[in-house]
PDB file of N, CA and C in Angstrom:
ATOM      1  N   MET A   1     168.778 224.845 192.063  1.00  0.00           N
ATOM      2  CA  MET A   1     168.294 226.208 192.038  1.00  0.00           C
ATOM      3  C   MET A   1     166.782 226.198 191.940  1.00  0.00           C
ATOM      4  N   ASN A   2     166.149 227.079 192.696  1.00  0.00           N
ATOM      5  CA  ASN A   2     164.694 227.222 192.655  1.00  0.00           C
ATOM      6  C   ASN A   2     164.322 228.684 192.483  1.00  0.00           C
ATOM      7  N   VAL A   3     163.333 228.928 191.652  1.00  0.00           N
ATOM      8  CA  VAL A   3     162.740 230.253 191.554  1.00  0.00           C
ATOM      9  C   VAL A   3     161.693 230.297 192.656  1.00  0.00           C
ATOM     10  N   THR A   4     161.962 231.054 193.706  1.00  0.00           N
ATOM     11  CA  THR A   4     161.090 231.039 194.883  1.00  0.00           C
ATOM     12  C   THR A   4     160.012 232.109 194.863  1.00  0.00           C
ATOM     13  N   GLU A   5     160.172 233.114 194.005  1.00  0.00           N
ATOM     14  CA  GLU A   5     159.128 234.135 193.883  1.00  0.00           C
ATOM     15  C   GLU A   5     159.235 234.817 192.524  1.00  0.00           C
ATOM     16  N   VAL A   6     158.073 235.130 191.966  1.00  0.00           N
ATOM     17  CA  VAL A   6     158.013 235.894 190.724  1.00  0.00           C
ATOM     18  C   VAL A   6     156.975 236.985 190.915  1.00  0.00           C
ATOM     19  N   ARG A   7     157.365 238.218 190.660  1.00  0.00           N
ATOM     20  CA  ARG A   7     156.436 239.353 190.704  1.00  0.00           C
ATOM     21  C   ARG A   7     156.324 239.912 189.295  1.00  0.00           C
ATOM     22  N   VAL A   8     155.086 240.085 188.847  1.00  0.00           N
ATOM     23  CA  VAL A   8     154.840 240.528 187.473  1.00  0.00           C
ATOM     24  C   VAL A   8     154.071 241.843 187.494  1.00  0.00           C
ATOM     25  N   ARG A   9     154.528 242.795 186.688  1.00  0.00           N
ATOM     26  CA  ARG A   9     153.811 244.054 186.495  1.00  0.00           C
ATOM     27  C   ARG A   9     153.404 244.115 185.028  1.00  0.00           C
ATOM     28  N   LEU A  10     152.089 244.072 184.790  1.00  0.00           N
ATOM     29  CA  LEU A  10     151.576 244.106 183.426  1.00  0.00           C
ATOM     30  C   LEU A  10     151.794 245.480 182.801  1.00  0.00           C
ATOM     31  N   ILE A  11     152.085 245.492 181.514  1.00  0.00           N
ATOM     32  CA  ILE A  11     152.260 246.722 180.750  1.00  0.00           C
ATOM     33  C   ILE A  11     151.105 246.796 179.758  1.00  0.00           C
ATOM     34  N   LYS A  12     150.347 247.875 179.807  1.00  0.00           N
ATOM     35  CA  LYS A  12     149.174 248.003 178.937  1.00  0.00           C
ATOM     36  C   LYS A  12     149.397 249.097 177.907  1.00  0.00           C
ATOM     37  N   LYS A  13     150.198 248.777 176.904  1.00  0.00           N
ATOM     38  CA  LYS A  13     150.425 249.688 175.785  1.00  0.00           C
ATOM     39  C   LYS A  13     150.088 248.924 174.522  1.00  0.00           C
ATOM     40  N   ASP A  14     149.070 249.371 173.804  1.00  0.00           N
ATOM     41  CA  ASP A  14     148.623 248.673 172.612  1.00  0.00           C
ATOM     42  C   ASP A  14     149.649 248.691 171.484  1.00  0.00           C
ATOM     43  N   ASP A  15     150.505 249.692 171.444  1.00  0.00           N
ATOM     44  CA  ASP A  15     151.466 249.828 170.357  1.00  0.00           C
ATOM     45  C   ASP A  15     152.820 249.176 170.654  1.00  0.00           C
ATOM     46  N   SER A  16     152.885 248.357 171.702  1.00  0.00           N
ATOM     47  CA  SER A  16     154.144 247.744 172.109  1.00  0.00           C
ATOM     48  C   SER A  16     154.004 246.229 172.213  1.00  0.00           C
ATOM     49  N   LYS A  17     155.078 245.518 171.939  1.00  0.00           N
ATOM     50  CA  LYS A  17     155.097 244.074 172.108  1.00  0.00           C
ATOM     51  C   LYS A  17     155.452 243.684 173.538  1.00  0.00           C
ATOM     52  N   LEU A  18     155.890 244.653 174.344  1.00  0.00           N
ATOM     53  CA  LEU A  18     156.201 244.417 175.748  1.00  0.00           C
ATOM     54  C   LEU A  18     154.892 244.218 176.512  1.00  0.00           C
ATOM     55  N   ARG A  19     154.725 243.084 177.140  1.00  0.00           N
ATOM     56  CA  ARG A  19     153.480 242.762 177.846  1.00  0.00           C
ATOM     57  C   ARG A  19     153.598 242.879 179.356  1.00  0.00           C
ATOM     58  N   ALA A  20     154.819 242.658 179.894  1.00  0.00           N
ATOM     59  CA  ALA A  20     154.998 242.716 181.344  1.00  0.00           C
ATOM     60  C   ALA A  20     156.484 242.830 181.668  1.00  0.00           C
ATOM     61  N   VAL A  21     156.739 243.255 182.906  1.00  0.00           N
ATOM     62  CA  VAL A  21     158.095 243.273 183.441  1.00  0.00           C
ATOM     63  C   VAL A  21     158.033 242.500 184.751  1.00  0.00           C
ATOM     64  N   ALA A  22     158.998 241.603 184.955  1.00  0.00           N
ATOM     65  CA  ALA A  22     158.975 240.739 186.133  1.00  0.00           C
ATOM     66  C   ALA A  22     160.260 240.874 186.936  1.00  0.00           C
ATOM     67  N   SER A  23     160.150 240.516 188.209  1.00  0.00           N
ATOM     68  CA  SER A  23     161.307 240.342 189.084  1.00  0.00           C
ATOM     69  C   SER A  23     161.245 238.913 189.594  1.00  0.00           C
ATOM     70  N   ILE A  24     162.368 238.237 189.592  1.00  0.00           N
ATOM     71  CA  ILE A  24     162.390 236.865 190.104  1.00  0.00           C
ATOM     72  C   ILE A  24     163.338 236.787 191.293  1.00  0.00           C
ATOM     73  N   THR A  25     162.965 235.961 192.257  1.00  0.00           N
ATOM     74  CA  THR A  25     163.820 235.678 193.403  1.00  0.00           C
ATOM     75  C   THR A  25     164.294 234.239 193.271  1.00  0.00           C
ATOM     76  N   ILE A  26     165.574 234.038 193.429  1.00  0.00           N
ATOM     77  CA  ILE A  26     166.175 232.713 193.315  1.00  0.00           C
ATOM     78  C   ILE A  26     166.632 232.272 194.696  1.00  0.00           C
ATOM     79  N   ASP A  27     166.150 231.095 195.107  1.00  0.00           N
ATOM     80  CA  ASP A  27     166.529 230.490 196.393  1.00  0.00           C
ATOM     81  C   ASP A  27     166.385 231.442 197.577  1.00  0.00           C
ATOM     82  N   ASP A  28     165.392 232.316 197.531  1.00  0.00           N
ATOM     83  CA  ASP A  28     165.117 233.270 198.613  1.00  0.00           C
ATOM     84  C   ASP A  28     166.318 234.139 198.975  1.00  0.00           C
ATOM     85  N   CYS A  29     167.278 234.298 198.028  1.00  0.00           N
ATOM     86  CA  CYS A  29     168.456 235.088 198.398  1.00  0.00           C
ATOM     87  C   CYS A  29     169.049 235.922 197.266  1.00  0.00           C
ATOM     88  N   PHE A  30     168.512 235.817 196.054  1.00  0.00           N
ATOM     89  CA  PHE A  30     169.069 236.584 194.932  1.00  0.00           C
ATOM     90  C   PHE A  30     167.916 237.048 194.058  1.00  0.00           C
ATOM     91  N   VAL A  31     167.871 238.351 193.725  1.00  0.00           N
ATOM     92  CA  VAL A  31     166.771 238.914 192.945  1.00  0.00           C
ATOM     93  C   VAL A  31     167.293 239.430 191.612  1.00  0.00           C
ATOM     94  N   VAL A  32     166.514 239.169 190.561  1.00  0.00           N
ATOM     95  CA  VAL A  32     166.807 239.705 189.237  1.00  0.00           C
ATOM     96  C   VAL A  32     165.596 240.541 188.830  1.00  0.00           C
ATOM     97  N   HIS A  33     165.804 241.830 188.589  1.00  0.00           N
ATOM     98  CA  HIS A  33     164.740 242.740 188.179  1.00  0.00           C
ATOM     99  C   HIS A  33     164.757 242.914 186.665  1.00  0.00           C
ATOM    100  N   ASP A  34     163.663 243.407 186.130  1.00  0.00           N
ATOM    101  CA  ASP A  34     163.536 243.807 184.720  1.00  0.00           C
ATOM    102  C   ASP A  34     163.637 242.659 183.723  1.00  0.00           C
ATOM    103  N   VAL A  35     163.067 241.509 184.085  1.00  0.00           N
ATOM    104  CA  VAL A  35     162.906 240.434 183.113  1.00  0.00           C
ATOM    105  C   VAL A  35     161.659 240.796 182.310  1.00  0.00           C
ATOM    106  N   LYS A  36     161.796 240.907 181.001  1.00  0.00           N
ATOM    107  CA  LYS A  36     160.685 241.368 180.165  1.00  0.00           C
ATOM    108  C   LYS A  36     159.918 240.203 179.566  1.00  0.00           C
ATOM    109  N   VAL A  37     158.589 240.336 179.514  1.00  0.00           N
ATOM    110  CA  VAL A  37     157.726 239.387 178.799  1.00  0.00           C
ATOM    111  C   VAL A  37     157.337 240.081 177.503  1.00  0.00           C
ATOM    112  N   ILE A  38     157.701 239.464 176.380  1.00  0.00           N
ATOM    113  CA  ILE A  38     157.495 240.064 175.063  1.00  0.00           C
ATOM    114  C   ILE A  38     156.616 239.159 174.219  1.00  0.00           C
ATOM    115  N   GLU A  39     155.661 239.783 173.500  1.00  0.00           N
ATOM    116  CA  GLU A  39     154.776 239.050 172.594  1.00  0.00           C
ATOM    117  C   GLU A  39     155.497 238.853 171.265  1.00  0.00           C
ATOM    118  N   GLY A  40     155.728 237.595 170.913  1.00  0.00           N
ATOM    119  CA  GLY A  40     156.375 237.275 169.642  1.00  0.00           C
ATOM    120  C   GLY A  40     155.386 236.634 168.693  1.00  0.00           C
ATOM    121  N   SER A  41     155.838 236.270 167.520  1.00  0.00           N
ATOM    122  CA  SER A  41     154.957 235.661 166.518  1.00  0.00           C
ATOM    123  C   SER A  41     154.494 234.265 166.939  1.00  0.00           C
ATOM    124  N   ASP A  42     155.267 233.594 167.796  1.00  0.00           N
ATOM    125  CA  ASP A  42     154.905 232.254 168.274  1.00  0.00           C
ATOM    126  C   ASP A  42     154.459 232.270 169.732  1.00  0.00           C
ATOM    127  N   GLY A  43     154.004 233.395 170.234  1.00  0.00           N
ATOM    128  CA  GLY A  43     153.589 233.502 171.627  1.00  0.00           C
ATOM    129  C   GLY A  43     154.589 234.319 172.428  1.00  0.00           C
ATOM    130  N   CYS A  44     154.386 234.343 173.732  1.00  0.00           N
ATOM    131  CA  CYS A  44     155.231 235.155 174.603  1.00  0.00           C
ATOM    132  C   CYS A  44     156.545 234.451 174.919  1.00  0.00           C
ATOM    133  N   PHE A  45     157.574 235.266 175.129  1.00  0.00           N
ATOM    134  CA  PHE A  45     158.872 234.769 175.571  1.00  0.00           C
ATOM    135  C   PHE A  45     159.460 235.800 176.518  1.00  0.00           C
ATOM    136  N   ILE A  46     160.519 235.403 177.235  1.00  0.00           N
ATOM    137  CA  ILE A  46     161.148 236.344 178.160  1.00  0.00           C
ATOM    138  C   ILE A  46     162.452 236.858 177.568  1.00  0.00           C
ATOM    139  N   ALA A  47     162.814 238.062 177.989  1.00  0.00           N
ATOM    140  CA  ALA A  47     164.108 238.660 177.657  1.00  0.00           C
ATOM    141  C   ALA A  47     164.742 239.090 178.975  1.00  0.00           C
ATOM    142  N   MET A  48     165.970 238.687 179.163  1.00  0.00           N
ATOM    143  CA  MET A  48     166.674 239.009 180.400  1.00  0.00           C
ATOM    144  C   MET A  48     167.080 240.479 180.403  1.00  0.00           C
ATOM    145  N   PRO A  49     167.389 241.043 181.585  1.00  0.00           N
ATOM    146  CA  PRO A  49     167.804 242.444 181.668  1.00  0.00           C
ATOM    147  C   PRO A  49     169.026 242.689 180.783  1.00  0.00           C
ATOM    148  N   SER A  50     169.030 243.819 180.093  1.00  0.00           N
ATOM    149  CA  SER A  50     170.133 244.119 179.187  1.00  0.00           C
ATOM    150  C   SER A  50     170.463 245.605 179.215  1.00  0.00           C
ATOM    151  N   LYS A  51     171.610 245.932 178.625  1.00  0.00           N
ATOM    152  CA  LYS A  51     171.991 247.343 178.485  1.00  0.00           C
ATOM    153  C   LYS A  51     172.470 247.560 177.058  1.00  0.00           C
ATOM    154  N   LYS A  52     172.366 248.786 176.608  1.00  0.00           N
ATOM    155  CA  LYS A  52     172.768 249.146 175.257  1.00  0.00           C
ATOM    156  C   LYS A  52     174.254 249.512 175.251  1.00  0.00           C
ATOM    157  N   THR A  53     174.996 248.913 174.323  1.00  0.00           N
ATOM    158  CA  THR A  53     176.420 249.208 174.204  1.00  0.00           C
ATOM    159  C   THR A  53     176.609 250.485 173.378  1.00  0.00           C
ATOM    160  N   PRO A  54     177.795 251.075 173.412  1.00  0.00           N
ATOM    161  CA  PRO A  54     178.055 252.268 172.579  1.00  0.00           C
ATOM    162  C   PRO A  54     177.850 252.002 171.085  1.00  0.00           C
ATOM    163  N   GLU A  55     177.961 250.745 170.661  1.00  0.00           N
ATOM    164  CA  GLU A  55     177.762 250.385 169.251  1.00  0.00           C
ATOM    165  C   GLU A  55     176.284 250.227 168.902  1.00  0.00           C
ATOM    166  N   GLY A  56     175.403 250.330 169.910  1.00  0.00           N
ATOM    167  CA  GLY A  56     173.967 250.217 169.659  1.00  0.00           C
ATOM    168  C   GLY A  56     173.400 248.826 169.844  1.00  0.00           C
ATOM    169  N   GLU A  57     174.231 247.867 170.222  1.00  0.00           N
ATOM    170  CA  GLU A  57     173.760 246.506 170.480  1.00  0.00           C
ATOM    171  C   GLU A  57     173.242 246.416 171.912  1.00  0.00           C
ATOM    172  N   TYR A  58     172.384 245.429 172.169  1.00  0.00           N
ATOM    173  CA  TYR A  58     171.932 245.153 173.521  1.00  0.00           C
ATOM    174  C   TYR A  58     172.610 243.891 174.020  1.00  0.00           C
ATOM    175  N   LYS A  59     173.187 243.949 175.212  1.00  0.00           N
ATOM    176  CA  LYS A  59     173.863 242.805 175.826  1.00  0.00           C
ATOM    177  C   LYS A  59     173.177 242.483 177.147  1.00  0.00           C
ATOM    178  N   ASP A  60     172.913 241.188 177.380  1.00  0.00           N
ATOM    179  CA  ASP A  60     172.320 240.771 178.652  1.00  0.00           C
ATOM    180  C   ASP A  60     173.255 241.109 179.804  1.00  0.00           C
ATOM    181  N   ILE A  61     172.673 241.596 180.891  1.00  0.00           N
ATOM    182  CA  ILE A  61     173.428 241.867 182.107  1.00  0.00           C
ATOM    183  C   ILE A  61     173.478 240.603 182.958  1.00  0.00           C
ATOM    184  N   VAL A  62     172.362 239.894 182.988  1.00  0.00           N
ATOM    185  CA  VAL A  62     172.219 238.655 183.740  1.00  0.00           C
ATOM    186  C   VAL A  62     171.571 237.651 182.813  1.00  0.00           C
ATOM    187  N   HIS A  63     172.048 236.418 182.833  1.00  0.00           N
ATOM    188  CA  HIS A  63     171.410 235.391 182.006  1.00  0.00           C
ATOM    189  C   HIS A  63     171.775 234.001 182.503  1.00  0.00           C
ATOM    190  N   PRO A  64     170.897 233.023 182.257  1.00  0.00           N
ATOM    191  CA  PRO A  64     171.193 231.637 182.623  1.00  0.00           C
ATOM    192  C   PRO A  64     172.346 231.096 181.778  1.00  0.00           C
ATOM    193  N   LEU A  65     173.099 230.185 182.356  1.00  0.00           N
ATOM    194  CA  LEU A  65     174.242 229.613 181.641  1.00  0.00           C
ATOM    195  C   LEU A  65     173.908 228.326 180.904  1.00  0.00           C
ATOM    196  N   ASN A  66     172.742 227.745 181.193  1.00  0.00           N
ATOM    197  CA  ASN A  66     172.397 226.509 180.500  1.00  0.00           C
ATOM    198  C   ASN A  66     170.907 226.465 180.172  1.00  0.00           C
ATOM    199  N   THR A  67     170.550 225.556 179.292  1.00  0.00           N
ATOM    200  CA  THR A  67     169.170 225.444 178.803  1.00  0.00           C
ATOM    201  C   THR A  67     168.197 225.102 179.922  1.00  0.00           C
ATOM    202  N   GLU A  68     168.586 224.223 180.813  1.00  0.00           N
ATOM    203  CA  GLU A  68     167.711 223.811 181.918  1.00  0.00           C
ATOM    204  C   GLU A  68     167.314 225.007 182.782  1.00  0.00           C
ATOM    205  N   THR A  69     168.272 225.832 183.113  1.00  0.00           N
ATOM    206  CA  THR A  69     167.988 227.005 183.943  1.00  0.00           C
ATOM    207  C   THR A  69     167.155 228.023 183.183  1.00  0.00           C
ATOM    208  N   ARG A  70     167.468 228.239 181.904  1.00  0.00           N
ATOM    209  CA  ARG A  70     166.683 229.169 181.084  1.00  0.00           C
ATOM    210  C   ARG A  70     165.227 228.722 181.032  1.00  0.00           C
ATOM    211  N   GLU A  71     164.988 227.433 180.831  1.00  0.00           N
ATOM    212  CA  GLU A  71     163.616 226.915 180.768  1.00  0.00           C
ATOM    213  C   GLU A  71     162.898 227.074 182.099  1.00  0.00           C
ATOM    214  N   LEU A  72     163.600 226.837 183.213  1.00  0.00           N
ATOM    215  CA  LEU A  72     163.002 227.004 184.540  1.00  0.00           C
ATOM    216  C   LEU A  72     162.568 228.451 184.754  1.00  0.00           C
ATOM    217  N   VAL A  73     163.446 229.390 184.436  1.00  0.00           N
ATOM    218  CA  VAL A  73     163.129 230.811 184.604  1.00  0.00           C
ATOM    219  C   VAL A  73     161.984 231.203 183.673  1.00  0.00           C
ATOM    220  N   SER A  74     162.057 230.789 182.431  1.00  0.00           N
ATOM    221  CA  SER A  74     161.028 231.131 181.453  1.00  0.00           C
ATOM    222  C   SER A  74     159.658 230.590 181.863  1.00  0.00           C
ATOM    223  N   LYS A  75     159.589 229.327 182.231  1.00  0.00           N
ATOM    224  CA  LYS A  75     158.312 228.729 182.642  1.00  0.00           C
ATOM    225  C   LYS A  75     157.743 229.423 183.871  1.00  0.00           C
ATOM    226  N   SER A  76     158.599 229.744 184.827  1.00  0.00           N
ATOM    227  CA  SER A  76     158.143 230.400 186.059  1.00  0.00           C
ATOM    228  C   SER A  76     157.574 231.786 185.772  1.00  0.00           C
ATOM    229  N   VAL A  77     158.282 232.570 184.970  1.00  0.00           N
ATOM    230  CA  VAL A  77     157.834 233.928 184.668  1.00  0.00           C
ATOM    231  C   VAL A  77     156.569 233.904 183.812  1.00  0.00           C
ATOM    232  N   LEU A  78     156.542 233.062 182.784  1.00  0.00           N
ATOM    233  CA  LEU A  78     155.371 233.024 181.904  1.00  0.00           C
ATOM    234  C   LEU A  78     154.128 232.500 182.626  1.00  0.00           C
ATOM    235  N   ALA A  79     154.305 231.572 183.564  1.00  0.00           N
ATOM    236  CA  ALA A  79     153.160 231.075 184.348  1.00  0.00           C
ATOM    237  C   ALA A  79     152.577 232.201 185.205  1.00  0.00           C
ATOM    238  N   GLU A  80     153.434 232.977 185.855  1.00  0.00           N
ATOM    239  CA  GLU A  80     152.948 234.101 186.670  1.00  0.00           C
ATOM    240  C   GLU A  80     152.343 235.193 185.802  1.00  0.00           C
ATOM    241  N   TYR A  81     152.889 235.396 184.625  1.00  0.00           N
ATOM    242  CA  TYR A  81     152.324 236.372 183.689  1.00  0.00           C
ATOM    243  C   TYR A  81     150.896 235.974 183.319  1.00  0.00           C
ATOM    244  N   GLU A  82     150.688 234.705 183.011  1.00  0.00           N
ATOM    245  CA  GLU A  82     149.343 234.231 182.655  1.00  0.00           C
ATOM    246  C   GLU A  82     148.374 234.417 183.826  1.00  0.00           C
ATOM    247  N   LYS A  83     148.820 234.127 185.044  1.00  0.00           N
ATOM    248  CA  LYS A  83     147.974 234.331 186.232  1.00  0.00           C
ATOM    249  C   LYS A  83     147.619 235.805 186.392  1.00  0.00           C
ATOM    250  N   ALA A  84     148.605 236.690 186.242  1.00  0.00           N
ATOM    251  CA  ALA A  84     148.360 238.126 186.387  1.00  0.00           C
ATOM    252  C   ALA A  84     147.412 238.620 185.300  1.00  0.00           C
ATOM    253  N   LYS A  85     147.566 238.100 184.094  1.00  0.00           N
ATOM    254  CA  LYS A  85     146.698 238.503 182.992  1.00  0.00           C
ATOM    255  C   LYS A  85     145.246 238.099 183.263  1.00  0.00           C
ATOM    256  N   LEU A  86     145.053 236.878 183.751  1.00  0.00           N
ATOM    257  CA  LEU A  86     143.700 236.409 184.093  1.00  0.00           C
ATOM    258  C   LEU A  86     143.094 237.225 185.235  1.00  0.00           C
ATOM    259  N   ALA A  87     143.913 237.541 186.231  1.00  0.00           N
ATOM    260  CA  ALA A  87     143.419 238.285 187.388  1.00  0.00           C
ATOM    261  C   ALA A  87     143.015 239.707 187.014  1.00  0.00           C
ATOM    262  N   SER A  88     143.643 240.268 185.968  1.00  0.00           N
ATOM    263  CA  SER A  88     143.336 241.653 185.594  1.00  0.00           C
ATOM    264  C   SER A  88     142.072 241.762 184.729  1.00  0.00           C
ATOM    265  N   GLN A  89     141.574 240.643 184.248  1.00  0.00           N
ATOM    266  CA  GLN A  89     140.387 240.674 183.378  1.00  0.00           C
ATOM    267  C   GLN A  89     139.093 240.699 184.153  1.00  0.00           C
TER     268      GLN A  89
END
């Protein structure tokens, strides 16, 4: 599996930990929208698209099934986020 494209839209809200929203393309044939880049206490991390259940919990709609794939997606999105952040300055 290859992440063939990442599009990042920066979010500029000072009162939010949400820093960007990304779309990733996998193998030039599958797109995942609304991957969030969130500022945490140890730096930025990604959150996969999710929906709120009737009980008030959030459940991922799409997510990697193994650590290797999660790391590939995370590194790809965070690298593009850093590029977009530098370009906007």
